[in-house]
Amino acid sequence: KATAPHFYLRAEIDMSRAMALRKRYKDDFQKKFSVGLGFMSFFVKAAVDAIKAQPEINAYIEGKDFLYHDYIHIGIAVGSERGLVVPVIRHAERMGFAEIEQAIVDYVAKIRENRLQLADLEGGTFTISNGGVYGSLLSTPILNPPQSGILGMHKIEKRPVVVDDQIVIRPMMYVALSYDHRLVDGKGAVGCLKRIKECLEN
């Protein structure tokens, strides 16, 4: 934080459609690809889409220069017995849901079997952290330098919300985007988080 001035944005996402889509296709997905369909792949795909629209979220600072990556390597924060580790899914922009899920499963296996290598943790350009698996309702994640953005996912919780002037119960998730304010301005960050929300809700 002393090096990169953090700024934080928060939003809440109605997970109804994503949950319905997952429920509808998860059995067929498992049979076809031999891997489960989780929510992390939805968020990785949404982040890739948002980053393409706001490339500064995927950039970094070197000296006085702003450098932009032409690829998207997404770090996924995973809890282990030794603490939190962040293996990197390389070229997430080229991957489909099944490839993303398989990459996550492979990393989890590596972590359990103590086979994770330093190369697995290097080169990330953006990070997604899921505190929801531990019951966290809302947090503000800290940047993973030299990255300029990190997205925090949280617990899905049923809450009353207003839809078409009616109070209804929906499965809602708070998300938080932390970003380096030297490189990313408010407009770009809001655009990124708004696009992630749109992807997940629609």
Protein backbone atom coordinates (compact mmCIF):
# COMPACT_ATOMS: atom_id res chain seq x y z
CA LYS A 1 0.00 0.00 0.00
CA ALA A 2 2.96 2.30 0.57
CA THR A 3 4.00 1.82 -3.05
CA ALA A 4 0.65 1.56 -4.82
CA PRO A 5 -2.22 3.80 -3.66
CA HIS A 6 -5.18 1.46 -3.33
CA PHE A 7 -8.71 2.44 -4.23
CA TYR A 8 -11.70 0.22 -3.59
CA LEU A 9 -15.01 -0.36 -5.35
CA ARG A 10 -17.83 -2.64 -4.27
CA ALA A 11 -20.92 -4.00 -5.97
CA GLU A 12 -23.46 -6.72 -5.40
CA ILE A 13 -24.34 -9.32 -7.98
CA ASP A 14 -27.63 -11.15 -8.36
CA MET A 15 -26.41 -14.72 -8.85
CA SER A 16 -29.84 -16.12 -9.83
CA ARG A 17 -29.12 -16.66 -13.52
CA ALA A 18 -25.59 -17.97 -13.00
CA MET A 19 -26.86 -20.44 -10.40
CA ALA A 20 -29.73 -21.55 -12.65
CA LEU A 21 -27.35 -22.00 -15.60
CA ARG A 22 -24.94 -24.03 -13.49
CA LYS A 23 -27.73 -26.21 -12.11
CA ARG A 24 -29.14 -26.84 -15.58
CA TYR A 25 -25.86 -27.86 -17.21
CA LYS A 26 -23.60 -29.17 -14.43
CA ASP A 27 -24.43 -32.88 -14.96
CA ASP A 28 -23.99 -32.72 -18.73
CA PHE A 29 -20.84 -30.63 -18.24
CA GLN A 30 -19.39 -33.24 -15.89
CA LYS A 31 -20.17 -36.07 -18.33
CA LYS A 32 -18.73 -34.24 -21.33
CA PHE A 33 -15.59 -32.74 -19.79
CA SER A 34 -14.97 -34.97 -16.71
CA VAL A 35 -14.67 -31.91 -14.50
CA GLY A 36 -17.17 -30.06 -12.31
CA LEU A 37 -18.67 -26.70 -13.20
CA GLY A 38 -17.95 -24.21 -10.42
CA PHE A 39 -18.55 -20.49 -10.11
CA MET A 40 -14.88 -19.54 -10.43
CA SER A 41 -14.94 -20.18 -14.18
CA PHE A 42 -17.91 -17.80 -14.51
CA PHE A 43 -15.90 -15.09 -12.75
CA VAL A 44 -12.73 -15.77 -14.75
CA LYS A 45 -14.69 -15.45 -18.01
CA ALA A 46 -16.38 -12.26 -16.76
CA ALA A 47 -13.04 -10.79 -15.68
CA VAL A 48 -11.48 -11.56 -19.07
CA ASP A 49 -14.38 -9.80 -20.80
CA ALA A 50 -14.08 -6.78 -18.50
CA ILE A 51 -10.29 -6.58 -18.85
CA LYS A 52 -10.57 -6.54 -22.65
CA ALA A 53 -12.80 -3.47 -22.32
CA GLN A 54 -10.57 -1.84 -19.64
CA PRO A 55 -6.99 -2.99 -20.44
CA GLU A 56 -5.39 -0.73 -17.81
CA ILE A 57 -6.70 -3.17 -15.15
CA ASN A 58 -4.33 -5.73 -16.73
CA ALA A 59 -1.33 -3.37 -16.98
CA TYR A 60 1.53 -2.54 -14.63
CA ILE A 61 3.99 0.24 -13.85
CA GLU A 62 7.71 -0.04 -14.48
CA GLY A 63 9.61 3.08 -13.52
CA LYS A 64 7.69 5.92 -15.15
CA ASP A 65 6.15 3.73 -17.84
CA PHE A 66 2.69 2.16 -18.01
CA LEU A 67 3.05 -1.24 -19.69
CA TYR A 68 0.10 -3.16 -21.12
CA HIS A 69 0.00 -6.95 -21.41
CA ASP A 70 -1.40 -8.48 -24.61
CA TYR A 71 -2.43 -11.58 -22.65
CA ILE A 72 -4.44 -12.24 -19.51
CA HIS A 73 -2.86 -14.46 -16.84
CA ILE A 74 -5.29 -14.72 -13.93
CA GLY A 75 -4.08 -15.68 -10.47
CA ILE A 76 -6.59 -17.69 -8.41
CA ALA A 77 -6.15 -17.44 -4.66
CA VAL A 78 -6.42 -20.95 -3.16
CA GLY A 79 -6.29 -21.84 0.54
CA SER A 80 -3.87 -24.56 1.61
CA GLU A 81 -2.60 -26.01 4.88
CA ARG A 82 0.38 -23.68 4.61
CA GLY A 83 -1.75 -20.61 3.90
CA LEU A 84 -2.97 -18.80 0.81
CA VAL A 85 -1.25 -19.44 -2.52
CA VAL A 86 -2.04 -17.88 -5.89
CA PRO A 87 -1.40 -20.20 -8.86
CA VAL A 88 -1.77 -18.57 -12.26
CA ILE A 89 -4.10 -19.61 -15.09
CA ARG A 90 -2.17 -18.58 -18.17
CA HIS A 91 -3.85 -17.16 -21.26
CA ALA A 92 -7.29 -17.22 -19.68
CA GLU A 93 -8.50 -15.20 -22.68
CA ARG A 94 -8.07 -18.32 -24.85
CA MET A 95 -9.84 -20.73 -22.51
CA GLY A 96 -13.36 -22.07 -22.25
CA PHE A 97 -15.19 -22.98 -19.06
CA ALA A 98 -13.94 -26.59 -19.04
CA GLU A 99 -10.31 -25.59 -19.54
CA ILE A 100 -10.53 -23.08 -16.69
CA GLU A 101 -12.15 -25.60 -14.35
CA GLN A 102 -9.56 -28.26 -15.27
CA ALA A 103 -6.71 -25.83 -14.60
CA ILE A 104 -8.15 -25.10 -11.15
CA VAL A 105 -8.60 -28.80 -10.36
CA ASP A 106 -5.01 -29.50 -11.46
CA TYR A 107 -3.66 -26.74 -9.22
CA VAL A 108 -5.69 -27.91 -6.22
CA ALA A 109 -4.25 -31.42 -6.72
CA LYS A 110 -0.73 -29.98 -6.95
CA ILE A 111 -1.26 -28.03 -3.72
CA ARG A 112 -2.59 -31.08 -1.86
CA GLU A 113 0.29 -33.23 -3.07
CA ASN A 114 2.89 -30.52 -2.39
CA ARG A 115 3.88 -30.43 -6.09
CA LEU A 116 3.29 -26.71 -6.68
CA GLN A 117 6.31 -25.04 -8.27
CA LEU A 118 7.44 -21.42 -8.23
CA ALA A 119 6.68 -21.20 -11.96
CA ASP A 120 3.01 -21.97 -11.17
CA LEU A 121 2.82 -18.79 -9.07
CA GLU A 122 4.63 -16.38 -11.38
CA GLY A 123 3.45 -14.06 -14.15
CA GLY A 124 -0.09 -13.22 -13.05
CA THR A 125 -1.58 -10.01 -14.49
CA PHE A 126 -4.83 -9.95 -12.45
CA THR A 127 -6.02 -11.87 -9.38
CA ILE A 128 -9.34 -13.27 -8.19
CA SER A 129 -9.73 -14.13 -4.51
CA ASN A 130 -12.74 -16.03 -3.15
CA GLY A 131 -13.27 -15.35 0.54
CA GLY A 132 -16.78 -16.73 0.21
CA VAL A 133 -15.56 -20.31 0.60
CA TYR A 134 -14.61 -19.36 4.17
CA GLY A 135 -17.89 -17.56 4.83
CA SER A 136 -16.66 -13.99 4.23
CA LEU A 137 -19.48 -11.61 3.35
CA LEU A 138 -17.33 -8.64 2.31
CA SER A 139 -13.63 -7.75 2.27
CA THR A 140 -11.23 -5.40 0.50
CA PRO A 141 -8.42 -7.45 -1.06
CA ILE A 142 -4.88 -6.08 -1.26
CA LEU A 143 -3.11 -5.87 -4.62
CA ASN A 144 -0.59 -8.51 -5.63
CA PRO A 145 2.28 -6.36 -7.06
CA PRO A 146 3.03 -5.50 -9.79
CA GLN A 147 -0.60 -6.19 -10.74
CA SER A 148 -2.99 -3.24 -10.90
CA GLY A 149 -6.23 -5.03 -10.00
CA ILE A 150 -7.67 -7.76 -7.78
CA LEU A 151 -11.27 -8.95 -7.53
CA GLY A 152 -12.68 -10.30 -4.29
CA MET A 153 -15.61 -12.75 -4.46
CA HIS A 154 -17.68 -13.46 -1.36
CA LYS A 155 -20.38 -15.64 0.12
CA ILE A 156 -23.66 -16.01 -1.79
CA GLU A 157 -26.46 -15.08 0.60
CA LYS A 158 -30.21 -14.79 0.08
CA ARG A 159 -31.31 -11.20 0.64
CA PRO A 160 -34.43 -9.11 -0.01
CA VAL A 161 -33.94 -6.89 -3.08
CA VAL A 162 -36.20 -4.69 -5.16
CA VAL A 163 -36.92 -5.98 -8.69
CA ASP A 164 -39.51 -4.16 -10.82
CA ASP A 165 -40.79 -2.35 -7.69
CA GLN A 166 -41.36 -5.65 -5.90
CA ILE A 167 -39.41 -6.96 -2.91
CA VAL A 168 -38.10 -10.42 -3.78
CA ILE A 169 -35.55 -12.80 -2.29
CA ARG A 170 -32.46 -13.32 -4.46
CA PRO A 171 -29.09 -15.03 -3.98
CA MET A 172 -26.73 -12.05 -3.80
CA MET A 173 -22.96 -11.78 -3.71
CA TYR A 174 -20.89 -8.77 -2.75
CA VAL A 175 -17.79 -8.29 -4.88
CA ALA A 176 -14.91 -5.88 -4.32
CA LEU A 177 -12.39 -4.54 -6.81
CA SER A 178 -9.13 -3.08 -5.49
CA TYR A 179 -6.95 -1.25 -7.97
CA ASP A 180 -3.80 0.85 -8.28
CA HIS A 181 -4.98 4.44 -8.56
CA ARG A 182 -1.72 5.54 -10.23
CA LEU A 183 -2.65 3.59 -13.35
CA VAL A 184 -6.40 2.99 -13.13
CA ASP A 185 -8.83 5.87 -12.72
CA GLY A 186 -12.34 5.70 -11.30
CA LYS A 187 -14.02 5.58 -14.69
CA GLY A 188 -12.02 2.57 -15.84
CA ALA A 189 -12.43 0.72 -12.55
CA VAL A 190 -16.19 1.33 -12.39
CA GLY A 191 -16.47 0.20 -16.01
CA CYS A 192 -14.59 -3.00 -15.19
CA LEU A 193 -16.68 -3.90 -12.15
CA LYS A 194 -19.91 -2.96 -13.92
CA ARG A 195 -19.01 -5.27 -16.82
CA ILE A 196 -18.25 -8.16 -14.46
CA LYS A 197 -21.64 -7.64 -12.83
CA GLU A 198 -23.39 -7.52 -16.24
CA CYS A 199 -21.72 -10.74 -17.37
CA LEU A 200 -22.71 -12.63 -14.22
CA GLU A 201 -26.27 -11.34 -14.13
CA ASN A 202 -27.00 -11.75 -17.84
